mmCIF file of all heavy atoms, coordinates in Angstrom:
data_MODEL
# 
_entry.id   MODEL 
# 
loop_
_atom_site.group_PDB 
_atom_site.id 
_atom_site.type_symbol 
_atom_site.label_atom_id 
_atom_site.label_alt_id 
_atom_site.label_comp_id 
_atom_site.label_asym_id 
_atom_site.label_entity_id 
_atom_site.label_seq_id 
_atom_site.pdbx_PDB_ins_code 
_atom_site.Cartn_x 
_atom_site.Cartn_y 
_atom_site.Cartn_z 
_atom_site.occupancy 
_atom_site.B_iso_or_equiv 
_atom_site.pdbx_formal_charge 
_atom_site.auth_seq_id 
_atom_site.auth_comp_id 
_atom_site.auth_asym_id 
_atom_site.auth_atom_id 
_atom_site.pdbx_PDB_model_num 
ATOM 1   N N   . GLY A 1 1  ? -4.749  -103.402 -10.799 1.00 0.00 ? 1  GLY A N   1 
ATOM 2   C CA  . GLY A 1 1  ? -4.580  -102.068 -10.400 1.00 0.00 ? 1  GLY A CA  1 
ATOM 3   C C   . GLY A 1 1  ? -3.194  -101.601 -10.598 1.00 0.00 ? 1  GLY A C   1 
ATOM 4   O O   . GLY A 1 1  ? -3.038  -100.198 -10.691 1.00 0.00 ? 1  GLY A O   1 
ATOM 5   N N   . THR A 1 2  ? -2.323  -102.465 -11.023 1.00 0.00 ? 2  THR A N   1 
ATOM 6   C CA  . THR A 1 2  ? -0.951  -101.861 -11.299 1.00 0.00 ? 2  THR A CA  1 
ATOM 7   C C   . THR A 1 2  ? -0.930  -101.169 -12.598 1.00 0.00 ? 2  THR A C   1 
ATOM 8   O O   . THR A 1 2  ? -0.055  -100.340 -12.976 1.00 0.00 ? 2  THR A O   1 
ATOM 9   C CB  . THR A 1 2  ? 0.167   -102.985 -11.305 1.00 0.00 ? 2  THR A CB  1 
ATOM 10  O OG1 . THR A 1 2  ? -0.279  -104.037 -12.315 1.00 0.00 ? 2  THR A OG1 1 
ATOM 11  C CG2 . THR A 1 2  ? 0.198   -103.625 -9.946  1.00 0.00 ? 2  THR A CG2 1 
ATOM 12  N N   . VAL A 1 3  ? -1.964  -101.393 -13.559 1.00 0.00 ? 3  VAL A N   1 
ATOM 13  C CA  . VAL A 1 3  ? -2.074  -100.618 -14.713 1.00 0.00 ? 3  VAL A CA  1 
ATOM 14  C C   . VAL A 1 3  ? -2.365  -99.192  -14.351 1.00 0.00 ? 3  VAL A C   1 
ATOM 15  O O   . VAL A 1 3  ? -1.628  -98.231  -14.981 1.00 0.00 ? 3  VAL A O   1 
ATOM 16  C CB  . VAL A 1 3  ? -3.308  -101.072 -15.468 1.00 0.00 ? 3  VAL A CB  1 
ATOM 17  C CG1 . VAL A 1 3  ? -3.485  -100.127 -16.829 1.00 0.00 ? 3  VAL A CG1 1 
ATOM 18  C CG2 . VAL A 1 3  ? -3.032  -102.609 -16.122 1.00 0.00 ? 3  VAL A CG2 1 
ATOM 19  N N   . GLY A 1 4  ? -3.188  -98.892  -13.384 1.00 0.00 ? 4  GLY A N   1 
ATOM 20  C CA  . GLY A 1 4  ? -3.516  -97.463  -13.011 1.00 0.00 ? 4  GLY A CA  1 
ATOM 21  C C   . GLY A 1 4  ? -2.288  -96.885  -12.315 1.00 0.00 ? 4  GLY A C   1 
ATOM 22  O O   . GLY A 1 4  ? -1.862  -95.751  -12.488 1.00 0.00 ? 4  GLY A O   1 
ATOM 23  N N   . ARG A 1 5  ? -1.392  -97.632  -11.578 1.00 0.00 ? 5  ARG A N   1 
ATOM 24  C CA  . ARG A 1 5  ? -0.176  -97.188  -10.912 1.00 0.00 ? 5  ARG A CA  1 
ATOM 25  C C   . ARG A 1 5  ? 0.756   -96.774  -11.947 1.00 0.00 ? 5  ARG A C   1 
ATOM 26  O O   . ARG A 1 5  ? 1.357   -95.670  -11.804 1.00 0.00 ? 5  ARG A O   1 
ATOM 27  C CB  . ARG A 1 5  ? 0.319   -98.198  -10.043 1.00 0.00 ? 5  ARG A CB  1 
ATOM 28  C CG  . ARG A 1 5  ? 1.562   -97.820  -9.214  1.00 0.00 ? 5  ARG A CG  1 
ATOM 29  C CD  . ARG A 1 5  ? 1.969   -98.999  -8.324  1.00 0.00 ? 5  ARG A CD  1 
ATOM 30  N NE  . ARG A 1 5  ? 3.027   -98.623  -7.482  1.00 0.00 ? 5  ARG A NE  1 
ATOM 31  C CZ  . ARG A 1 5  ? 4.425   -98.884  -7.723  1.00 0.00 ? 5  ARG A CZ  1 
ATOM 32  N NH1 . ARG A 1 5  ? 4.633   -99.433  -8.875  1.00 0.00 ? 5  ARG A NH1 1 
ATOM 33  N NH2 . ARG A 1 5  ? 5.376   -98.524  -6.979  1.00 0.00 ? 5  ARG A NH2 1 
ATOM 34  N N   . GLU A 1 6  ? 0.954   -97.476  -12.975 1.00 0.00 ? 6  GLU A N   1 
ATOM 35  C CA  . GLU A 1 6  ? 1.920   -97.133  -14.020 1.00 0.00 ? 6  GLU A CA  1 
ATOM 36  C C   . GLU A 1 6  ? 1.332   -96.028  -14.817 1.00 0.00 ? 6  GLU A C   1 
ATOM 37  O O   . GLU A 1 6  ? 2.187   -94.993  -15.204 1.00 0.00 ? 6  GLU A O   1 
ATOM 38  C CB  . GLU A 1 6  ? 2.097   -98.270  -15.123 1.00 0.00 ? 6  GLU A CB  1 
ATOM 39  C CG  . GLU A 1 6  ? 2.988   -99.537  -14.484 1.00 0.00 ? 6  GLU A CG  1 
ATOM 40  C CD  . GLU A 1 6  ? 3.106   -100.501 -15.425 1.00 0.00 ? 6  GLU A CD  1 
ATOM 41  O OE1 . GLU A 1 6  ? 2.851   -100.459 -16.695 1.00 0.00 ? 6  GLU A OE1 1 
ATOM 42  O OE2 . GLU A 1 6  ? 3.604   -101.701 -15.046 1.00 0.00 ? 6  GLU A OE2 1 
ATOM 43  N N   . LEU A 1 7  ? 0.062   -95.946  -14.991 1.00 0.00 ? 7  LEU A N   1 
ATOM 44  C CA  . LEU A 1 7  ? -0.421  -94.770  -15.763 1.00 0.00 ? 7  LEU A CA  1 
ATOM 45  C C   . LEU A 1 7  ? -0.257  -93.456  -14.998 1.00 0.00 ? 7  LEU A C   1 
ATOM 46  O O   . LEU A 1 7  ? -0.009  -92.457  -15.631 1.00 0.00 ? 7  LEU A O   1 
ATOM 47  C CB  . LEU A 1 7  ? -1.971  -95.087  -16.052 1.00 0.00 ? 7  LEU A CB  1 
ATOM 48  C CG  . LEU A 1 7  ? -2.685  -94.167  -17.032 1.00 0.00 ? 7  LEU A CG  1 
ATOM 49  C CD1 . LEU A 1 7  ? -2.033  -94.188  -18.442 1.00 0.00 ? 7  LEU A CD1 1 
ATOM 50  C CD2 . LEU A 1 7  ? -4.122  -94.885  -17.209 1.00 0.00 ? 7  LEU A CD2 1 
ATOM 51  N N   . GLU A 1 8  ? -0.379  -93.500  -13.699 1.00 0.00 ? 8  GLU A N   1 
ATOM 52  C CA  . GLU A 1 8  ? -0.204  -92.199  -12.908 1.00 0.00 ? 8  GLU A CA  1 
ATOM 53  C C   . GLU A 1 8  ? 1.227   -91.767  -12.832 1.00 0.00 ? 8  GLU A C   1 
ATOM 54  O O   . GLU A 1 8  ? 1.605   -90.715  -12.941 1.00 0.00 ? 8  GLU A O   1 
ATOM 55  C CB  . GLU A 1 8  ? -0.752  -92.534  -11.431 1.00 0.00 ? 8  GLU A CB  1 
ATOM 56  C CG  . GLU A 1 8  ? -0.646  -91.181  -10.775 1.00 0.00 ? 8  GLU A CG  1 
ATOM 57  C CD  . GLU A 1 8  ? -1.109  -91.310  -9.236  1.00 0.00 ? 8  GLU A CD  1 
ATOM 58  O OE1 . GLU A 1 8  ? -0.804  -92.167  -8.613  1.00 0.00 ? 8  GLU A OE1 1 
ATOM 59  O OE2 . GLU A 1 8  ? -2.096  -90.440  -8.850  1.00 0.00 ? 8  GLU A OE2 1 
ATOM 60  N N   . GLN A 1 9  ? 2.101   -92.904  -12.830 1.00 0.00 ? 9  GLN A N   1 
ATOM 61  C CA  . GLN A 1 9  ? 3.565   -92.604  -12.796 1.00 0.00 ? 9  GLN A CA  1 
ATOM 62  C C   . GLN A 1 9  ? 3.925   -91.844  -14.131 1.00 0.00 ? 9  GLN A C   1 
ATOM 63  O O   . GLN A 1 9  ? 4.729   -90.955  -14.187 1.00 0.00 ? 9  GLN A O   1 
ATOM 64  C CB  . GLN A 1 9  ? 4.356   -93.861  -12.652 1.00 0.00 ? 9  GLN A CB  1 
ATOM 65  C CG  . GLN A 1 9  ? 4.378   -94.519  -11.282 1.00 0.00 ? 9  GLN A CG  1 
ATOM 66  C CD  . GLN A 1 9  ? 5.102   -95.742  -11.278 1.00 0.00 ? 9  GLN A CD  1 
ATOM 67  O OE1 . GLN A 1 9  ? 5.270   -96.513  -12.279 1.00 0.00 ? 9  GLN A OE1 1 
ATOM 68  N NE2 . GLN A 1 9  ? 5.425   -96.247  -9.995  1.00 0.00 ? 9  GLN A NE2 1 
ATOM 69  N N   . ASP A 1 10 ? 3.420   -92.433  -15.253 1.00 0.00 ? 10 ASP A N   1 
ATOM 70  C CA  . ASP A 1 10 ? 3.870   -92.011  -16.610 1.00 0.00 ? 10 ASP A CA  1 
ATOM 71  C C   . ASP A 1 10 ? 3.151   -90.781  -17.050 1.00 0.00 ? 10 ASP A C   1 
ATOM 72  O O   . ASP A 1 10 ? 3.599   -89.967  -17.961 1.00 0.00 ? 10 ASP A O   1 
ATOM 73  C CB  . ASP A 1 10 ? 3.726   -93.146  -17.726 1.00 0.00 ? 10 ASP A CB  1 
ATOM 74  C CG  . ASP A 1 10 ? 4.580   -94.235  -17.430 1.00 0.00 ? 10 ASP A CG  1 
ATOM 75  O OD1 . ASP A 1 10 ? 5.617   -94.102  -16.615 1.00 0.00 ? 10 ASP A OD1 1 
ATOM 76  O OD2 . ASP A 1 10 ? 4.359   -95.285  -17.797 1.00 0.00 ? 10 ASP A OD2 1 
ATOM 77  N N   . ALA A 1 11 ? 1.866   -90.465  -16.612 1.00 0.00 ? 11 ALA A N   1 
ATOM 78  C CA  . ALA A 1 11 ? 1.044   -89.469  -16.908 1.00 0.00 ? 11 ALA A CA  1 
ATOM 79  C C   . ALA A 1 11 ? 0.270   -88.754  -15.744 1.00 0.00 ? 11 ALA A C   1 
ATOM 80  O O   . ALA A 1 11 ? -0.924  -88.933  -15.727 1.00 0.00 ? 11 ALA A O   1 
ATOM 81  C CB  . ALA A 1 11 ? 0.138   -89.801  -18.067 1.00 0.00 ? 11 ALA A CB  1 
ATOM 82  N N   . PRO A 1 12 ? 0.965   -88.210  -14.799 1.00 0.00 ? 12 PRO A N   1 
ATOM 83  C CA  . PRO A 1 12 ? 0.213   -87.786  -13.619 1.00 0.00 ? 12 PRO A CA  1 
ATOM 84  C C   . PRO A 1 12 ? -0.717  -86.636  -13.892 1.00 0.00 ? 12 PRO A C   1 
ATOM 85  O O   . PRO A 1 12 ? -1.542  -86.328  -13.087 1.00 0.00 ? 12 PRO A O   1 
ATOM 86  C CB  . PRO A 1 12 ? 1.397   -87.305  -12.788 1.00 0.00 ? 12 PRO A CB  1 
ATOM 87  C CG  . PRO A 1 12 ? 2.509   -87.048  -13.730 1.00 0.00 ? 12 PRO A CG  1 
ATOM 88  C CD  . PRO A 1 12 ? 2.451   -87.896  -14.854 1.00 0.00 ? 12 PRO A CD  1 
ATOM 89  N N   . GLU A 1 13 ? -0.639  -86.046  -15.012 1.00 0.00 ? 13 GLU A N   1 
ATOM 90  C CA  . GLU A 1 13 ? -1.513  -84.976  -15.418 1.00 0.00 ? 13 GLU A CA  1 
ATOM 91  C C   . GLU A 1 13 ? -3.079  -85.477  -15.831 1.00 0.00 ? 13 GLU A C   1 
ATOM 92  O O   . GLU A 1 13 ? -3.892  -84.542  -15.947 1.00 0.00 ? 13 GLU A O   1 
ATOM 93  C CB  . GLU A 1 13 ? -0.961  -84.019  -16.493 1.00 0.00 ? 13 GLU A CB  1 
ATOM 94  C CG  . GLU A 1 13 ? -0.962  -84.679  -17.885 1.00 0.00 ? 13 GLU A CG  1 
ATOM 95  C CD  . GLU A 1 13 ? -0.098  -85.868  -18.270 1.00 0.00 ? 13 GLU A CD  1 
ATOM 96  O OE1 . GLU A 1 13 ? 0.715   -86.052  -17.257 1.00 0.00 ? 13 GLU A OE1 1 
ATOM 97  O OE2 . GLU A 1 13 ? -0.056  -86.302  -19.318 1.00 0.00 ? 13 GLU A OE2 1 
ATOM 98  N N   . LEU A 1 14 ? -3.325  -86.661  -16.043 1.00 0.00 ? 14 LEU A N   1 
ATOM 99  C CA  . LEU A 1 14 ? -4.522  -87.222  -16.561 1.00 0.00 ? 14 LEU A CA  1 
ATOM 100 C C   . LEU A 1 14 ? -5.626  -86.866  -15.552 1.00 0.00 ? 14 LEU A C   1 
ATOM 101 O O   . LEU A 1 14 ? -5.576  -87.032  -14.280 1.00 0.00 ? 14 LEU A O   1 
ATOM 102 C CB  . LEU A 1 14 ? -4.444  -88.673  -16.837 1.00 0.00 ? 14 LEU A CB  1 
ATOM 103 C CG  . LEU A 1 14 ? -3.481  -89.090  -17.850 1.00 0.00 ? 14 LEU A CG  1 
ATOM 104 C CD1 . LEU A 1 14 ? -3.492  -90.545  -18.136 1.00 0.00 ? 14 LEU A CD1 1 
ATOM 105 C CD2 . LEU A 1 14 ? -3.833  -88.318  -19.215 1.00 0.00 ? 14 LEU A CD2 1 
ATOM 106 N N   . THR A 1 15 ? -6.681  -86.440  -16.140 1.00 0.00 ? 15 THR A N   1 
ATOM 107 C CA  . THR A 1 15 ? -7.950  -86.139  -15.227 1.00 0.00 ? 15 THR A CA  1 
ATOM 108 C C   . THR A 1 15 ? -9.050  -87.116  -15.466 1.00 0.00 ? 15 THR A C   1 
ATOM 109 O O   . THR A 1 15 ? -9.890  -87.267  -14.645 1.00 0.00 ? 15 THR A O   1 
ATOM 110 C CB  . THR A 1 15 ? -8.535  -84.774  -15.534 1.00 0.00 ? 15 THR A CB  1 
ATOM 111 O OG1 . THR A 1 15 ? -8.974  -84.704  -17.059 1.00 0.00 ? 15 THR A OG1 1 
ATOM 112 C CG2 . THR A 1 15 ? -7.472  -83.622  -15.354 1.00 0.00 ? 15 THR A CG2 1 
ATOM 113 N N   . HIS A 1 16 ? -9.027  -87.779  -16.534 1.00 0.00 ? 16 HIS A N   1 
ATOM 114 C CA  . HIS A 1 16 ? -10.175 -88.790  -16.845 1.00 0.00 ? 16 HIS A CA  1 
ATOM 115 C C   . HIS A 1 16 ? -9.515  -90.129  -17.482 1.00 0.00 ? 16 HIS A C   1 
ATOM 116 O O   . HIS A 1 16 ? -8.618  -89.878  -18.350 1.00 0.00 ? 16 HIS A O   1 
ATOM 117 C CB  . HIS A 1 16 ? -11.087 -88.279  -17.873 1.00 0.00 ? 16 HIS A CB  1 
ATOM 118 C CG  . HIS A 1 16 ? -11.888 -87.030  -17.284 1.00 0.00 ? 16 HIS A CG  1 
ATOM 119 N ND1 . HIS A 1 16 ? -11.330 -85.826  -17.096 1.00 0.00 ? 16 HIS A ND1 1 
ATOM 120 C CD2 . HIS A 1 16 ? -13.232 -86.983  -16.764 1.00 0.00 ? 16 HIS A CD2 1 
ATOM 121 C CE1 . HIS A 1 16 ? -12.220 -85.080  -16.631 1.00 0.00 ? 16 HIS A CE1 1 
ATOM 122 N NE2 . HIS A 1 16 ? -13.424 -85.718  -16.490 1.00 0.00 ? 16 HIS A NE2 1 
ATOM 123 N N   . ILE A 1 17 ? -9.912  -91.271  -16.962 1.00 0.00 ? 17 ILE A N   1 
ATOM 124 C CA  . ILE A 1 17 ? -9.321  -92.540  -17.537 1.00 0.00 ? 17 ILE A CA  1 
ATOM 125 C C   . ILE A 1 17 ? -10.473 -93.271  -17.978 1.00 0.00 ? 17 ILE A C   1 
ATOM 126 O O   . ILE A 1 17 ? -11.403 -93.740  -17.312 1.00 0.00 ? 17 ILE A O   1 
ATOM 127 C CB  . ILE A 1 17 ? -8.683  -93.310  -16.300 1.00 0.00 ? 17 ILE A CB  1 
ATOM 128 C CG1 . ILE A 1 17 ? -7.696  -92.353  -15.446 1.00 0.00 ? 17 ILE A CG1 1 
ATOM 129 C CG2 . ILE A 1 17 ? -7.851  -94.452  -16.792 1.00 0.00 ? 17 ILE A CG2 1 
ATOM 130 C CD1 . ILE A 1 17 ? -6.594  -91.737  -16.144 1.00 0.00 ? 17 ILE A CD1 1 
ATOM 131 N N   . LEU A 1 18 ? -10.401 -93.774  -19.240 1.00 0.00 ? 18 LEU A N   1 
ATOM 132 C CA  . LEU A 1 18 ? -11.372 -94.564  -19.788 1.00 0.00 ? 18 LEU A CA  1 
ATOM 133 C C   . LEU A 1 18 ? -10.953 -96.089  -19.849 1.00 0.00 ? 18 LEU A C   1 
ATOM 134 O O   . LEU A 1 18 ? -9.903  -96.402  -20.380 1.00 0.00 ? 18 LEU A O   1 
ATOM 135 C CB  . LEU A 1 18 ? -11.706 -94.129  -21.237 1.00 0.00 ? 18 LEU A CB  1 
ATOM 136 C CG  . LEU A 1 18 ? -12.181 -92.615  -21.530 1.00 0.00 ? 18 LEU A CG  1 
ATOM 137 C CD1 . LEU A 1 18 ? -12.603 -92.481  -22.965 1.00 0.00 ? 18 LEU A CD1 1 
ATOM 138 C CD2 . LEU A 1 18 ? -13.414 -92.498  -20.651 1.00 0.00 ? 18 LEU A CD2 1 
ATOM 139 N N   . VAL A 1 19 ? -11.822 -96.921  -19.290 1.00 0.00 ? 19 VAL A N   1 
ATOM 140 C CA  . VAL A 1 19 ? -11.414 -98.393  -19.178 1.00 0.00 ? 19 VAL A CA  1 
ATOM 141 C C   . VAL A 1 19 ? -12.625 -99.141  -19.621 1.00 0.00 ? 19 VAL A C   1 
ATOM 142 O O   . VAL A 1 19 ? -13.783 -99.086  -19.275 1.00 0.00 ? 19 VAL A O   1 
ATOM 143 C CB  . VAL A 1 19 ? -11.329 -98.561  -17.598 1.00 0.00 ? 19 VAL A CB  1 
ATOM 144 C CG1 . VAL A 1 19 ? -10.726 -99.984  -17.480 1.00 0.00 ? 19 VAL A CG1 1 
ATOM 145 C CG2 . VAL A 1 19 ? -10.299 -97.724  -17.047 1.00 0.00 ? 19 VAL A CG2 1 
ATOM 146 N N   . ALA A 1 20 ? -12.301 -100.173 -20.511 1.00 0.00 ? 20 ALA A N   1 
ATOM 147 C CA  . ALA A 1 20 ? -13.240 -101.285 -20.984 1.00 0.00 ? 20 ALA A CA  1 
ATOM 148 C C   . ALA A 1 20 ? -13.604 -102.131 -19.724 1.00 0.00 ? 20 ALA A C   1 
ATOM 149 O O   . ALA A 1 20 ? -12.795 -102.534 -19.094 1.00 0.00 ? 20 ALA A O   1 
ATOM 150 C CB  . ALA A 1 20 ? -12.764 -101.937 -22.107 1.00 0.00 ? 20 ALA A CB  1 
ATOM 151 N N   . THR A 1 21 ? -14.865 -102.357 -19.632 1.00 0.00 ? 21 THR A N   1 
ATOM 152 C CA  . THR A 1 21 ? -15.292 -103.234 -18.459 1.00 0.00 ? 21 THR A CA  1 
ATOM 153 C C   . THR A 1 21 ? -16.061 -104.412 -18.923 1.00 0.00 ? 21 THR A C   1 
ATOM 154 O O   . THR A 1 21 ? -16.928 -104.424 -19.751 1.00 0.00 ? 21 THR A O   1 
ATOM 155 C CB  . THR A 1 21 ? -16.243 -102.386 -17.541 1.00 0.00 ? 21 THR A CB  1 
ATOM 156 O OG1 . THR A 1 21 ? -15.594 -101.225 -17.079 1.00 0.00 ? 21 THR A OG1 1 
ATOM 157 C CG2 . THR A 1 21 ? -16.684 -103.133 -16.392 1.00 0.00 ? 21 THR A CG2 1 
ATOM 158 N N   . GLY A 1 22 ? -15.594 -105.541 -18.344 1.00 0.00 ? 22 GLY A N   1 
ATOM 159 C CA  . GLY A 1 22 ? -16.328 -106.778 -18.471 1.00 0.00 ? 22 GLY A CA  1 
ATOM 160 C C   . GLY A 1 22 ? -16.814 -107.225 -17.103 1.00 0.00 ? 22 GLY A C   1 
ATOM 161 O O   . GLY A 1 22 ? -17.967 -106.851 -16.438 1.00 0.00 ? 22 GLY A O   1 
ATOM 162 N N   . GLY A 1 23 ? -16.092 -108.191 -16.392 1.00 0.00 ? 23 GLY A N   1 
ATOM 163 C CA  . GLY A 1 23 ? -16.367 -108.479 -14.977 1.00 0.00 ? 23 GLY A CA  1 
ATOM 164 C C   . GLY A 1 23 ? -15.885 -107.467 -14.030 1.00 0.00 ? 23 GLY A C   1 
ATOM 165 O O   . GLY A 1 23 ? -16.394 -107.505 -12.927 1.00 0.00 ? 23 GLY A O   1 
ATOM 166 N N   . GLY A 1 24 ? -15.060 -106.604 -14.441 1.00 0.00 ? 24 GLY A N   1 
ATOM 167 C CA  . GLY A 1 24 ? -14.747 -105.367 -13.546 1.00 0.00 ? 24 GLY A CA  1 
ATOM 168 C C   . GLY A 1 24 ? -13.393 -105.490 -12.870 1.00 0.00 ? 24 GLY A C   1 
ATOM 169 O O   . GLY A 1 24 ? -13.122 -104.622 -12.079 1.00 0.00 ? 24 GLY A O   1 
ATOM 170 N N   . GLY A 1 25 ? -12.589 -106.550 -13.226 1.00 0.00 ? 25 GLY A N   1 
ATOM 171 C CA  . GLY A 1 25 ? -11.269 -106.643 -12.620 1.00 0.00 ? 25 GLY A CA  1 
ATOM 172 C C   . GLY A 1 25 ? -10.327 -105.500 -12.887 1.00 0.00 ? 25 GLY A C   1 
ATOM 173 O O   . GLY A 1 25 ? -9.710  -104.887 -11.915 1.00 0.00 ? 25 GLY A O   1 
ATOM 174 N N   . LEU A 1 26 ? -10.360 -105.148 -14.123 1.00 0.00 ? 26 LEU A N   1 
ATOM 175 C CA  . LEU A 1 26 ? -9.357  -103.984 -14.501 1.00 0.00 ? 26 LEU A CA  1 
ATOM 176 C C   . LEU A 1 26 ? -9.820  -102.518 -13.928 1.00 0.00 ? 26 LEU A C   1 
ATOM 177 O O   . LEU A 1 26 ? -9.078  -101.930 -13.294 1.00 0.00 ? 26 LEU A O   1 
ATOM 178 C CB  . LEU A 1 26 ? -9.283  -103.941 -16.037 1.00 0.00 ? 26 LEU A CB  1 
ATOM 179 C CG  . LEU A 1 26 ? -8.392  -102.809 -16.528 1.00 0.00 ? 26 LEU A CG  1 
ATOM 180 C CD1 . LEU A 1 26 ? -6.987  -102.909 -16.059 1.00 0.00 ? 26 LEU A CD1 1 
ATOM 181 C CD2 . LEU A 1 26 ? -8.471  -102.793 -18.156 1.00 0.00 ? 26 LEU A CD2 1 
ATOM 182 N N   . ILE A 1 27 ? -11.073 -102.252 -14.187 1.00 0.00 ? 27 ILE A N   1 
ATOM 183 C CA  . ILE A 1 27 ? -11.589 -101.096 -13.678 1.00 0.00 ? 27 ILE A CA  1 
ATOM 184 C C   . ILE A 1 27 ? -11.607 -100.966 -12.191 1.00 0.00 ? 27 ILE A C   1 
ATOM 185 O O   . ILE A 1 27 ? -11.380 -99.995  -11.547 1.00 0.00 ? 27 ILE A O   1 
ATOM 186 C CB  . ILE A 1 27 ? -12.901 -100.682 -14.356 1.00 0.00 ? 27 ILE A CB  1 
ATOM 187 C CG1 . ILE A 1 27 ? -13.214 -99.210  -14.110 1.00 0.00 ? 27 ILE A CG1 1 
ATOM 188 C CG2 . ILE A 1 27 ? -14.160 -101.510 -13.762 1.00 0.00 ? 27 ILE A CG2 1 
ATOM 189 C CD1 . ILE A 1 27 ? -14.276 -98.617  -14.977 1.00 0.00 ? 27 ILE A CD1 1 
ATOM 190 N N   . GLY A 1 28 ? -11.994 -102.208 -11.565 1.00 0.00 ? 28 GLY A N   1 
ATOM 191 C CA  . GLY A 1 28 ? -11.827 -102.167 -10.209 1.00 0.00 ? 28 GLY A CA  1 
ATOM 192 C C   . GLY A 1 28 ? -10.572 -101.921 -9.560  1.00 0.00 ? 28 GLY A C   1 
ATOM 193 O O   . GLY A 1 28 ? -10.378 -101.028 -8.615  1.00 0.00 ? 28 GLY A O   1 
ATOM 194 N N   . GLY A 1 29 ? -9.457  -102.502 -10.121 1.00 0.00 ? 29 GLY A N   1 
ATOM 195 C CA  . GLY A 1 29 ? -8.146  -102.185 -9.621  1.00 0.00 ? 29 GLY A CA  1 
ATOM 196 C C   . GLY A 1 29 ? -7.685  -100.802 -9.855  1.00 0.00 ? 29 GLY A C   1 
ATOM 197 O O   . GLY A 1 29 ? -6.980  -100.227 -9.070  1.00 0.00 ? 29 GLY A O   1 
# 
């Protein structure tokens, strides 16, 4: 989930986030 935290810090204007999903750890976080 720290990927999302950094993404929001660096680009707070984003409205849609596209994430590749396998087992779901990245998109879940």
